Amino acid sequence: MQSDFRRSFMERKLRLIVVLLLLLGAAGYLWWAARPERRYEQSGVAEDGNYRLVAQDGSLFRRSSLKGHPYITYFGYASCPDRCPAMLARLSRIRARMGWTHEDLPIVFITVDPARDTPERLDAFVKSLGVKVIALTGEPEVINRITDNAGVFVKVIPQSGNTYRIEHTTRAFLYNVDGDFWDTVSPQEADARIEAKLREAAVSPPPKTEMSHATLDRRR
């Protein structure tokens, strides 16, 4: 009689344990399914500003790989109707007129719209421009840190139809061969002035200013 009671008790205990395990498993799955999507886990940014982002071909791109050449970084997004395409095309045109190649002066385009700008979308955008540009995306929090570090203005403007446009800094950021910030390039500047800045950055003396991006350019 006592052994039957003990066996029954153990069976009920075992069933309870099985039910608890199933509930825990279901809760774990629901948590996993509801977690924020992370498409670019390999992206990141270090304290010194060196970032890892995903290029338009899906490869991991490191900012440190740019050292040794002056380069320009422009922040924008693939759905930008006019300013981004115009600035990228102009920078590419000036580079070609100077007799420089993509290797001599890389143009880096970092999206401020990582939610929509996948590598495939960026690839199609760059190909539509017909210019040689390194286009990069990453996790939203990584992009936010990079734009904050650079002092880039970004504002999302809701539109009808559950969509949005983005207001952002329209200046490009120029770096010298040591990877140090050198100057900004404004759309309002004459081509000759931009060329002069590019040649100065290529010489690579010490940076012109100790000012951070944030203090220099929070303007659009």
Protein backbone atom coordinates (compact mmCIF):
# COMPACT_ATOMS: atom_id res chain seq x y z
CA MET A 1 0.00 0.00 0.00
CA GLN A 2 2.78 2.42 0.96
CA SER A 3 4.81 1.52 -2.14
CA ASP A 4 1.76 2.19 -4.37
CA PHE A 5 1.31 5.58 -2.75
CA ARG A 6 4.99 6.42 -3.22
CA ARG A 7 4.88 5.33 -6.87
CA SER A 8 1.79 7.45 -7.52
CA PHE A 9 3.42 10.43 -5.81
CA MET A 10 6.57 10.07 -7.90
CA GLU A 11 4.54 9.81 -11.11
CA ARG A 12 2.63 13.01 -10.28
CA LYS A 13 5.90 14.75 -9.43
CA LEU A 14 7.45 13.62 -12.69
CA ARG A 15 4.43 14.86 -14.68
CA LEU A 16 4.65 18.21 -12.89
CA ILE A 17 8.35 18.52 -13.75
CA VAL A 18 7.61 17.70 -17.41
CA VAL A 19 4.85 20.34 -17.53
CA LEU A 20 7.13 22.94 -15.94
CA LEU A 21 9.89 22.19 -18.43
CA LEU A 22 7.43 22.53 -21.33
CA LEU A 23 6.20 25.86 -19.96
CA LEU A 24 9.75 27.13 -19.55
CA GLY A 25 10.58 26.04 -23.08
CA ALA A 26 7.51 27.80 -24.47
CA ALA A 27 8.32 30.98 -22.54
CA GLY A 28 11.89 30.88 -23.81
CA TYR A 29 10.72 30.51 -27.41
CA LEU A 30 8.25 33.40 -27.07
CA TRP A 31 11.02 35.60 -25.64
CA TRP A 32 13.36 34.63 -28.49
CA ALA A 33 10.69 35.28 -31.15
CA ALA A 34 9.75 38.66 -29.67
CA ARG A 35 13.29 39.97 -29.23
CA PRO A 36 14.37 42.95 -31.42
CA GLU A 37 15.78 41.72 -34.72
CA ARG A 38 19.57 42.01 -34.96
CA ARG A 39 20.60 41.65 -38.58
CA TYR A 40 24.11 42.94 -38.28
CA GLU A 41 25.48 41.48 -35.05
CA GLN A 42 29.05 41.77 -36.37
CA SER A 43 28.78 45.56 -36.63
CA GLY A 44 30.20 47.66 -33.82
CA VAL A 45 32.17 50.74 -32.87
CA ALA A 46 35.10 51.06 -30.46
CA GLU A 47 35.80 53.88 -28.02
CA ASP A 48 38.38 55.35 -30.41
CA GLY A 49 35.77 55.65 -33.17
CA ASN A 50 36.95 52.70 -35.26
CA TYR A 51 33.84 50.97 -36.56
CA ARG A 52 32.90 47.69 -38.17
CA LEU A 53 29.97 47.93 -40.57
CA VAL A 54 28.44 45.79 -43.32
CA ALA A 55 29.23 46.84 -46.90
CA GLN A 56 26.89 46.65 -49.87
CA ASP A 57 28.37 43.30 -50.89
CA GLY A 58 27.64 41.83 -47.44
CA SER A 59 31.27 41.83 -46.30
CA LEU A 60 32.46 43.25 -42.99
CA PHE A 61 34.18 46.62 -43.49
CA ARG A 62 36.56 48.12 -40.94
CA ARG A 63 37.30 51.82 -40.75
CA SER A 64 40.92 51.01 -39.90
CA SER A 65 41.36 49.65 -43.45
CA LEU A 66 41.13 53.23 -44.77
CA LYS A 67 44.30 54.38 -43.05
CA GLY A 68 47.03 55.33 -45.50
CA HIS A 69 44.78 57.33 -47.82
CA PRO A 70 42.66 60.43 -47.37
CA TYR A 71 38.97 59.59 -47.48
CA ILE A 72 35.56 61.23 -47.38
CA THR A 73 32.57 60.05 -45.34
CA TYR A 74 29.06 61.14 -46.21
CA PHE A 75 25.99 60.29 -44.12
CA GLY A 76 22.68 59.81 -45.90
CA TYR A 77 20.19 57.17 -46.97
CA ALA A 78 19.18 55.28 -50.09
CA SER A 79 15.69 56.84 -50.24
CA CYS A 80 17.13 60.37 -50.21
CA PRO A 81 15.55 62.03 -53.24
CA ASP A 82 18.21 64.58 -54.17
CA ARG A 83 20.93 65.72 -51.77
CA CYS A 84 22.63 62.37 -51.24
CA PRO A 85 22.82 61.38 -54.92
CA ALA A 86 23.94 64.88 -55.88
CA MET A 87 26.71 65.06 -53.28
CA LEU A 88 28.05 61.56 -53.98
CA ALA A 89 28.05 62.18 -57.72
CA ARG A 90 29.80 65.52 -57.26
CA LEU A 91 32.52 64.11 -55.00
CA SER A 92 33.12 61.31 -57.48
CA ARG A 93 33.30 63.78 -60.36
CA ILE A 94 35.83 65.98 -58.51
CA ARG A 95 37.91 62.92 -57.67
CA ALA A 96 38.02 61.86 -61.31
CA ARG A 97 38.91 65.37 -62.49
CA MET A 98 41.86 65.37 -60.06
CA GLY A 99 43.10 62.16 -61.68
CA TRP A 100 42.53 60.20 -58.47
CA THR A 101 41.02 56.71 -58.27
CA HIS A 102 38.76 55.10 -55.68
CA GLU A 103 41.90 53.69 -54.03
CA ASP A 104 43.47 57.18 -53.87
CA LEU A 105 40.38 58.74 -52.27
CA PRO A 106 37.72 56.31 -51.00
CA ILE A 107 34.24 57.79 -50.67
CA VAL A 108 32.36 56.18 -47.78
CA PHE A 109 28.58 56.41 -47.57
CA ILE A 110 27.12 55.51 -44.14
CA THR A 111 23.37 55.15 -43.96
CA VAL A 112 21.35 56.99 -41.32
CA ASP A 113 18.42 54.66 -42.14
CA PRO A 114 19.63 51.19 -41.11
CA ALA A 115 16.07 49.95 -40.65
CA ARG A 116 15.48 50.11 -44.42
CA ASP A 117 18.95 50.23 -45.93
CA THR A 118 20.04 46.62 -46.25
CA PRO A 119 23.27 45.79 -48.11
CA GLU A 120 21.16 44.84 -51.14
CA ARG A 121 19.32 48.16 -51.08
CA LEU A 122 22.56 50.10 -50.74
CA ASP A 123 24.10 48.12 -53.58
CA ALA A 124 21.18 49.00 -55.87
CA PHE A 125 21.42 52.66 -54.79
CA VAL A 126 25.14 52.93 -55.53
CA LYS A 127 24.78 51.15 -58.87
CA SER A 128 22.01 53.55 -59.87
CA LEU A 129 24.45 56.43 -59.34
CA GLY A 130 27.18 54.82 -61.41
CA VAL A 131 29.89 55.86 -58.92
CA LYS A 132 32.50 53.95 -56.95
CA VAL A 133 31.38 54.27 -53.32
CA ILE A 134 31.72 52.12 -50.20
CA ALA A 135 28.16 51.97 -48.80
CA LEU A 136 27.73 50.79 -45.20
CA THR A 137 24.95 49.77 -42.83
CA GLY A 138 24.78 48.19 -39.37
CA GLU A 139 22.79 47.82 -36.17
CA PRO A 140 20.76 50.99 -35.38
CA GLU A 141 22.53 51.52 -32.05
CA VAL A 142 25.91 51.26 -33.78
CA ILE A 143 24.89 53.75 -36.48
CA ASN A 144 23.58 56.08 -33.76
CA ARG A 145 26.90 56.00 -31.93
CA ILE A 146 28.82 56.72 -35.13
CA THR A 147 26.59 59.67 -36.06
CA ASP A 148 26.76 61.01 -32.50
CA ASN A 149 30.55 60.75 -32.50
CA ALA A 150 30.68 62.65 -35.79
CA GLY A 151 28.19 65.31 -34.69
CA VAL A 152 25.80 64.40 -37.51
CA PHE A 153 22.31 65.88 -37.36
CA VAL A 154 19.62 63.24 -37.96
CA LYS A 155 15.87 63.79 -37.67
CA VAL A 156 13.15 61.37 -38.80
CA ILE A 157 10.10 63.14 -40.30
CA PRO A 158 6.94 60.93 -40.39
CA GLN A 159 5.06 60.97 -43.68
CA SER A 160 1.65 59.76 -44.79
CA GLY A 161 1.31 56.11 -45.70
CA ASN A 162 3.27 54.87 -42.66
CA THR A 163 6.60 56.01 -44.09
CA TYR A 164 9.13 58.72 -43.32
CA ARG A 165 11.91 60.90 -44.66
CA ILE A 166 15.10 61.91 -42.89
CA GLU A 167 16.65 65.32 -42.45
CA HIS A 168 20.40 65.03 -41.97
CA THR A 169 23.73 66.83 -42.15
CA THR A 170 24.57 67.47 -45.80
CA ARG A 171 28.27 68.18 -45.27
CA ALA A 172 30.80 65.44 -45.95
CA PHE A 173 33.64 64.68 -43.53
CA LEU A 174 37.20 64.62 -44.80
CA TYR A 175 39.97 62.58 -43.12
CA ASN A 176 43.71 62.67 -43.77
CA VAL A 177 45.99 59.70 -44.47
CA ASP A 178 46.44 59.04 -40.75
CA GLY A 179 42.68 58.62 -40.31
CA ASP A 180 42.38 61.89 -38.41
CA PHE A 181 39.47 64.24 -39.03
CA TRP A 182 40.63 67.06 -41.29
CA ASP A 183 37.74 69.23 -42.44
CA THR A 184 34.17 69.25 -43.70
CA VAL A 185 33.07 69.63 -47.31
CA SER A 186 29.93 71.68 -47.84
CA PRO A 187 27.63 71.40 -50.88
CA GLN A 188 27.85 75.19 -51.13
CA GLU A 189 31.63 75.19 -51.64
CA ALA A 190 33.15 75.67 -55.08
CA ASP A 191 34.80 72.66 -56.71
CA ALA A 192 38.20 74.40 -56.62
CA ARG A 193 37.94 74.88 -52.85
CA ILE A 194 37.00 71.21 -52.36
CA GLU A 195 39.94 70.12 -54.50
CA ALA A 196 42.29 72.22 -52.39
CA LYS A 197 41.00 70.58 -49.20
CA LEU A 198 41.48 67.12 -50.69
CA ARG A 199 45.06 67.87 -51.69
CA GLU A 200 45.81 69.29 -48.24
CA ALA A 201 44.45 66.16 -46.54
CA ALA A 202 46.57 63.95 -48.81
CA VAL A 203 49.78 65.61 -47.58
CA SER A 204 49.00 64.42 -44.01
CA PRO A 205 50.49 67.01 -41.64
CA PRO A 206 49.00 67.06 -38.14
CA PRO A 207 45.22 67.64 -38.08
CA LYS A 208 44.20 71.25 -38.62
CA THR A 209 42.05 71.40 -35.51
CA GLU A 210 41.58 69.69 -32.20
CA MET A 211 37.86 70.36 -32.35
CA SER A 212 35.64 67.31 -32.35
CA HIS A 213 33.06 66.69 -35.03
CA ALA A 214 30.34 67.52 -32.55
CA THR A 215 31.71 70.97 -31.74
CA LEU A 216 32.54 71.69 -35.37
CA ASP A 217 29.42 70.59 -37.14
CA ARG A 218 26.02 70.06 -35.64
CA ARG A 219 24.71 72.07 -38.55
CA ARG A 220 23.00 70.58 -41.59
